[in-house]
Structure formats: C-alpha cells, structure tokens
Protein backbone atom coordinates (compact mmCIF):
# COMPACT_ATOMS: atom_id res chain seq x y z
CA MET A 1 109.26 118.67 110.50
CA GLN A 2 106.52 117.50 108.27
CA GLY A 3 105.70 113.85 107.64
CA ALA A 4 103.59 112.13 105.03
CA ILE A 5 102.65 108.71 103.84
CA VAL A 6 102.82 108.32 100.05
CA LEU A 7 100.89 105.44 98.47
CA VAL A 8 102.65 104.46 95.17
CA GLN A 9 101.22 102.67 92.15
CA VAL A 10 103.93 100.92 90.12
CA THR A 11 103.87 100.80 86.37
CA ALA A 12 102.68 97.26 85.20
CA GLY A 13 105.70 95.22 84.27
CA ALA A 14 108.26 97.56 86.01
CA ASP A 15 111.17 96.01 87.61
CA LEU A 16 110.32 96.07 91.32
CA SER A 17 113.96 96.03 92.50
CA ALA A 18 114.80 99.00 90.44
CA VAL A 19 111.68 100.84 91.63
CA HIS A 20 112.55 99.96 95.25
CA LYS A 21 116.08 101.36 94.67
CA GLU A 22 114.85 104.55 93.12
CA LEU A 23 112.26 105.15 95.86
CA HIS A 24 114.91 104.52 98.60
CA GLY A 25 117.35 106.91 96.81
CA THR A 26 114.98 109.86 96.83
CA PRO A 27 115.83 112.43 99.45
CA ASN A 28 113.45 112.66 102.42
CA VAL A 29 112.11 109.18 101.87
CA LYS A 30 112.82 107.43 105.07
CA GLU A 31 111.04 104.01 104.62
CA VAL A 32 109.69 101.95 101.72
CA PHE A 33 107.33 99.04 101.88
CA PHE A 34 106.03 97.00 99.03
CA LEU A 35 102.54 95.55 99.57
CA ALA A 36 100.10 92.81 98.39
CA GLY A 37 96.80 94.56 97.45
CA PRO A 38 95.67 97.65 95.53
CA THR A 39 98.55 99.79 96.60
CA ASP A 40 101.95 98.56 95.39
CA ALA A 41 104.24 100.47 97.76
CA VAL A 42 104.13 102.84 100.71
CA CYS A 43 106.86 105.51 101.47
CA ARG A 44 107.20 107.36 104.75
CA VAL A 45 108.47 110.86 103.91
CA GLU A 46 109.88 113.32 106.35
CA ALA A 47 110.91 116.88 105.33
CA ALA A 48 111.39 120.39 106.79
CA ASP A 49 107.91 121.52 105.78
CA VAL A 50 104.93 121.03 103.60
CA ALA A 51 106.55 122.58 100.64
CA ASP A 52 109.58 120.21 100.85
CA VAL A 53 107.18 117.19 101.22
CA GLY A 54 105.62 118.46 97.92
CA GLN A 55 108.97 118.72 96.25
CA THR A 56 109.68 115.12 97.30
CA ILE A 57 106.31 113.85 96.01
CA MET A 58 107.06 115.56 92.45
CA LYS A 59 110.40 113.67 92.47
CA LEU A 60 108.59 110.39 93.38
CA ARG A 61 106.18 110.91 90.51
CA GLY A 62 108.96 111.37 88.04
CA LEU A 63 110.73 108.18 88.87
CA ARG A 64 110.70 105.35 86.19
CA GLY A 65 108.28 102.69 87.20
CA VAL A 66 106.03 104.96 89.27
CA ALA A 67 102.46 105.34 87.69
CA SER A 68 100.86 107.49 90.27
CA THR A 69 101.00 108.58 94.14
CA ASP A 70 98.41 109.33 96.62
CA THR A 71 99.51 111.34 99.75
CA ARG A 72 98.40 111.42 103.26
CA PHE A 73 99.97 114.07 105.51
CA ILE A 74 100.75 113.10 109.03
CA LEU A 75 99.06 115.37 111.70
CA PRO A 76 100.37 116.18 115.04
CA VAL A 77 98.36 114.89 117.92
C-alpha cells in the first residue's frame, strides 16, 4: 500500500461544496480537509502502489475547480 498527501489549489470562485464532493468521490481518496492559508485543501490518498497513486493524482487534476496539486508521498518508517 502506498500513501500520499496531496495539496490542492482550488480555482478562484469555485463552488467549494462541489469541489469537496468531487474530491471525496475520487477513488483512493480517503480524507479531504479544507484549510485556511496558502493551500486550499489536503487529500490523503491510499492506493496499491506508486502507479495507482499517480493515476489518482491525474484524476484529481482533471476535476472541475482544481487549479493545481502538489504531492508528498508518505514514506514507511
């Protein structure tokens, strides 16, 4: 199992409720948090491997209201 934290920038003027629903509806997205500050939202992603995480990120980038993403892979300790 591979995990990642995806920082999401939302398009200016986007309907946050709609974006929240779209993010939560994306396969492999386990949690979504909206934030105050330079990052608009954070998603926790879990998938079978790095390739599956990559596919999830591409889906997130294609959602209406998502301007950009920045991903941090979770490392095993």
